[in-house]
N, C-alpha and C. Protein backbone atom coordinates (compact mmCIF):
# COMPACT_ATOMS: atom_id res chain seq x y z
N MET A 1 96.30 81.91 92.66
CA MET A 1 95.45 82.81 93.42
C MET A 1 94.04 82.81 92.82
N ARG A 2 93.04 82.75 93.70
CA ARG A 2 91.66 82.71 93.21
C ARG A 2 91.20 84.09 92.72
N GLU A 3 90.14 84.09 91.99
CA GLU A 3 89.59 85.35 91.46
C GLU A 3 88.91 86.14 92.58
N ILE A 4 89.09 87.45 92.55
CA ILE A 4 88.43 88.34 93.51
C ILE A 4 87.39 89.14 92.73
N VAL A 5 86.15 89.07 93.19
CA VAL A 5 85.05 89.80 92.56
C VAL A 5 84.96 91.18 93.20
N VAL A 6 84.91 92.21 92.36
CA VAL A 6 84.72 93.57 92.84
C VAL A 6 83.29 93.98 92.49
N ASP A 7 82.50 94.30 93.51
CA ASP A 7 81.11 94.67 93.28
C ASP A 7 81.02 95.86 92.32
N PRO A 8 80.02 95.88 91.45
CA PRO A 8 79.85 96.99 90.51
C PRO A 8 79.77 98.35 91.20
N GLU A 9 79.18 98.40 92.39
CA GLU A 9 79.07 99.66 93.12
C GLU A 9 80.45 100.21 93.50
N VAL A 10 81.36 99.32 93.83
CA VAL A 10 82.73 99.73 94.17
C VAL A 10 83.42 100.27 92.93
N LEU A 11 83.29 99.57 91.82
CA LEU A 11 83.91 100.03 90.57
C LEU A 11 83.35 101.39 90.15
N GLU A 12 82.06 101.56 90.29
CA GLU A 12 81.42 102.83 89.94
C GLU A 12 81.90 103.95 90.86
N PHE A 13 82.01 103.66 92.15
CA PHE A 13 82.50 104.64 93.11
C PHE A 13 83.92 105.09 92.76
N VAL A 14 84.80 104.14 92.51
CA VAL A 14 86.20 104.46 92.18
C VAL A 14 86.25 105.25 90.86
N LYS A 15 85.51 104.80 89.89
CA LYS A 15 85.47 105.47 88.58
C LYS A 15 85.04 106.93 88.71
N ASN A 16 84.01 107.18 89.51
CA ASN A 16 83.47 108.53 89.65
C ASN A 16 84.23 109.40 90.64
N SER A 17 85.11 108.80 91.42
CA SER A 17 85.82 109.54 92.47
C SER A 17 86.90 110.47 91.92
N GLY A 18 87.45 110.12 90.77
CA GLY A 18 88.55 110.91 90.21
C GLY A 18 89.89 110.60 90.83
N GLU A 19 89.96 109.54 91.66
CA GLU A 19 91.24 109.15 92.23
C GLU A 19 91.32 107.63 92.37
N ASP A 20 92.53 107.14 92.55
CA ASP A 20 92.75 105.71 92.71
C ASP A 20 92.53 105.32 94.17
N TYR A 21 92.16 104.05 94.37
CA TYR A 21 91.93 103.51 95.71
C TYR A 21 92.71 102.22 95.88
N ARG A 22 92.85 101.83 97.15
CA ARG A 22 93.58 100.60 97.48
C ARG A 22 92.85 99.84 98.56
N VAL A 23 92.71 98.53 98.37
CA VAL A 23 92.22 97.65 99.41
C VAL A 23 93.43 97.26 100.24
N SER A 24 93.42 97.68 101.48
CA SER A 24 94.54 97.46 102.39
C SER A 24 94.01 96.85 103.68
N THR A 25 94.83 96.89 104.73
CA THR A 25 94.45 96.32 106.02
C THR A 25 94.48 97.40 107.08
N ASP A 26 93.42 97.46 107.89
CA ASP A 26 93.46 98.31 109.08
C ASP A 26 93.05 97.47 110.27
N CYS A 27 92.78 98.09 111.39
CA CYS A 27 92.49 97.37 112.63
C CYS A 27 91.26 96.47 112.54
N SER A 28 90.35 96.78 111.61
CA SER A 28 89.11 96.01 111.46
C SER A 28 89.17 94.96 110.37
N GLY A 29 90.25 94.94 109.60
CA GLY A 29 90.35 94.02 108.47
C GLY A 29 90.53 94.77 107.17
N PRO A 30 89.92 94.28 106.07
CA PRO A 30 90.11 94.95 104.79
C PRO A 30 89.41 96.31 104.75
N VAL A 31 90.09 97.29 104.14
CA VAL A 31 89.54 98.63 104.04
C VAL A 31 89.92 99.22 102.68
N ILE A 32 88.99 99.95 102.07
CA ILE A 32 89.24 100.64 100.80
C ILE A 32 89.58 102.09 101.14
N LEU A 33 90.82 102.47 100.79
CA LEU A 33 91.32 103.82 101.09
C LEU A 33 91.79 104.50 99.82
N PRO A 34 91.73 105.83 99.75
CA PRO A 34 92.36 106.53 98.63
C PRO A 34 93.87 106.28 98.67
N THR A 35 94.50 106.21 97.52
CA THR A 35 95.94 105.96 97.49
C THR A 35 96.74 107.11 98.07
N ARG A 36 96.15 108.29 98.23
CA ARG A 36 96.84 109.39 98.89
C ARG A 36 97.02 109.08 100.38
N MET A 37 96.17 108.20 100.93
CA MET A 37 96.30 107.79 102.32
C MET A 37 97.16 106.53 102.47
N LYS A 38 97.07 105.65 101.50
CA LYS A 38 97.82 104.39 101.53
C LYS A 38 98.27 104.08 100.11
N PRO A 39 99.49 104.50 99.75
CA PRO A 39 99.98 104.32 98.37
C PRO A 39 100.05 102.85 97.96
N PRO A 40 99.86 102.59 96.67
CA PRO A 40 99.93 101.21 96.19
C PRO A 40 101.36 100.68 96.24
N LYS A 41 101.47 99.37 96.21
CA LYS A 41 102.76 98.70 96.17
C LYS A 41 102.89 97.96 94.84
N GLU A 42 104.11 97.70 94.45
CA GLU A 42 104.37 96.99 93.19
C GLU A 42 103.68 95.64 93.15
N THR A 43 103.51 95.01 94.30
CA THR A 43 102.94 93.67 94.36
C THR A 43 101.41 93.65 94.35
N ASP A 44 100.77 94.81 94.40
CA ASP A 44 99.31 94.88 94.42
C ASP A 44 98.70 94.36 93.11
N LEU A 45 97.54 93.76 93.23
CA LEU A 45 96.72 93.44 92.06
C LEU A 45 96.09 94.75 91.60
N ARG A 46 95.79 94.85 90.32
CA ARG A 46 95.21 96.08 89.77
C ARG A 46 93.90 95.78 89.04
N VAL A 47 92.88 96.57 89.36
CA VAL A 47 91.59 96.45 88.70
C VAL A 47 91.24 97.82 88.15
N LYS A 48 91.02 97.92 86.85
CA LYS A 48 90.67 99.19 86.23
C LYS A 48 89.20 99.52 86.48
N ALA A 49 88.95 100.81 86.75
CA ALA A 49 87.60 101.35 86.92
C ALA A 49 87.57 102.65 86.14
N GLY A 50 87.26 102.56 84.87
CA GLY A 50 87.37 103.73 84.00
C GLY A 50 88.82 104.13 83.89
N LYS A 51 89.12 105.41 84.15
CA LYS A 51 90.51 105.90 84.13
C LYS A 51 91.22 105.64 85.45
N GLN A 52 90.47 105.24 86.46
CA GLN A 52 91.03 105.03 87.79
C GLN A 52 91.42 103.56 87.98
N THR A 53 92.17 103.31 89.06
CA THR A 53 92.59 101.96 89.39
C THR A 53 92.26 101.66 90.83
N LEU A 54 91.76 100.44 91.06
CA LEU A 54 91.59 99.92 92.40
C LEU A 54 92.71 98.91 92.61
N TYR A 55 93.58 99.20 93.56
CA TYR A 55 94.68 98.30 93.89
C TYR A 55 94.22 97.40 95.03
N ILE A 56 94.63 96.16 94.99
CA ILE A 56 94.29 95.21 96.05
C ILE A 56 95.60 94.64 96.58
N SER A 57 95.84 94.84 97.87
CA SER A 57 97.10 94.38 98.45
C SER A 57 97.18 92.85 98.37
N ARG A 58 98.39 92.35 98.17
CA ARG A 58 98.60 90.90 98.10
C ARG A 58 98.20 90.24 99.41
N VAL A 59 98.40 90.94 100.53
CA VAL A 59 98.02 90.38 101.82
C VAL A 59 96.52 90.13 101.85
N GLN A 60 95.73 91.15 101.49
CA GLN A 60 94.27 90.99 101.50
C GLN A 60 93.81 90.01 100.43
N ALA A 61 94.50 89.97 99.30
CA ALA A 61 94.10 89.08 98.21
C ALA A 61 94.10 87.61 98.64
N ARG A 62 94.88 87.28 99.63
CA ARG A 62 94.91 85.90 100.12
C ARG A 62 93.67 85.54 100.93
N TYR A 63 92.99 86.55 101.47
CA TYR A 63 91.90 86.29 102.41
C TYR A 63 90.50 86.66 101.91
N ILE A 64 90.43 87.56 100.94
CA ILE A 64 89.11 88.01 100.48
C ILE A 64 88.78 87.38 99.13
N ASP A 65 87.49 87.24 98.86
CA ASP A 65 87.08 86.79 97.53
C ASP A 65 86.14 87.80 96.89
N ARG A 66 85.87 88.90 97.63
CA ARG A 66 84.96 89.92 97.14
C ARG A 66 85.31 91.27 97.75
N VAL A 67 85.21 92.35 96.96
CA VAL A 67 85.41 93.71 97.45
C VAL A 67 84.04 94.39 97.42
N THR A 68 83.60 94.87 98.59
CA THR A 68 82.26 95.43 98.74
C THR A 68 82.32 96.85 99.31
N MET A 69 81.24 97.59 99.15
CA MET A 69 81.18 98.98 99.62
C MET A 69 81.33 99.10 101.13
N ASP A 70 80.98 98.06 101.89
CA ASP A 70 81.12 98.16 103.34
C ASP A 70 82.58 98.16 103.78
N MET A 71 83.50 97.94 102.86
CA MET A 71 84.94 98.03 103.15
C MET A 71 85.47 99.46 103.02
N LEU A 72 84.65 100.35 102.51
CA LEU A 72 85.07 101.74 102.30
C LEU A 72 85.44 102.40 103.62
N PHE A 73 86.55 103.12 103.63
CA PHE A 73 87.06 103.81 104.81
C PHE A 73 85.98 104.65 105.46
N ASP A 74 85.83 104.50 106.77
CA ASP A 74 84.86 105.26 107.56
C ASP A 74 85.63 106.09 108.59
N PRO A 75 85.71 107.41 108.41
CA PRO A 75 86.46 108.25 109.34
C PRO A 75 85.99 108.11 110.80
N ALA A 76 84.71 107.81 111.01
CA ALA A 76 84.20 107.65 112.37
C ALA A 76 84.84 106.44 113.06
N ARG A 77 85.15 105.43 112.30
CA ARG A 77 85.78 104.22 112.83
C ARG A 77 87.28 104.41 113.04
N ALA A 78 87.85 105.36 112.33
CA ALA A 78 89.30 105.56 112.33
C ALA A 78 89.85 105.95 113.69
N SER A 79 89.06 106.62 114.51
CA SER A 79 89.56 107.09 115.80
C SER A 79 89.96 105.94 116.72
N SER A 80 89.46 104.75 116.47
CA SER A 80 89.78 103.61 117.33
C SER A 80 90.93 102.75 116.77
N CYS A 81 91.58 103.23 115.72
CA CYS A 81 92.64 102.45 115.07
C CYS A 81 93.95 103.26 115.07
N VAL A 82 95.01 102.67 115.60
CA VAL A 82 96.30 103.38 115.67
C VAL A 82 96.87 103.70 114.30
N MET A 83 96.39 103.03 113.29
CA MET A 83 96.86 103.27 111.93
C MET A 83 96.54 104.70 111.47
N TYR A 84 95.52 105.31 112.05
CA TYR A 84 95.06 106.63 111.62
C TYR A 84 95.37 107.72 112.65
N GLU A 85 96.38 107.56 113.46
CA GLU A 85 96.70 108.54 114.49
C GLU A 85 96.91 109.94 113.96
N ASP A 86 97.40 110.05 112.72
CA ASP A 86 97.72 111.37 112.16
C ASP A 86 96.51 112.08 111.55
N LEU A 87 95.35 111.45 111.57
CA LEU A 87 94.16 112.08 110.97
C LEU A 87 93.49 113.03 111.94
């Protein structure tokens, strides 16, 4: 598996958030969500950000080579995705 670069802004965001995040898949492609919304899986890659962890799903790890802030979950976009029906 190739190396995935996580932008410093993403690491800083996760570090300062006080919670863990996960790069997962939604209707638009890769998305960074809090793990309270999408729990990590045993197969996820793990990237430390201070005391927090950014998990990257194995599915997304096959397709991405970089994690950027534009992947951060946008509640405004969520209304058009069946994955977020309960929000």
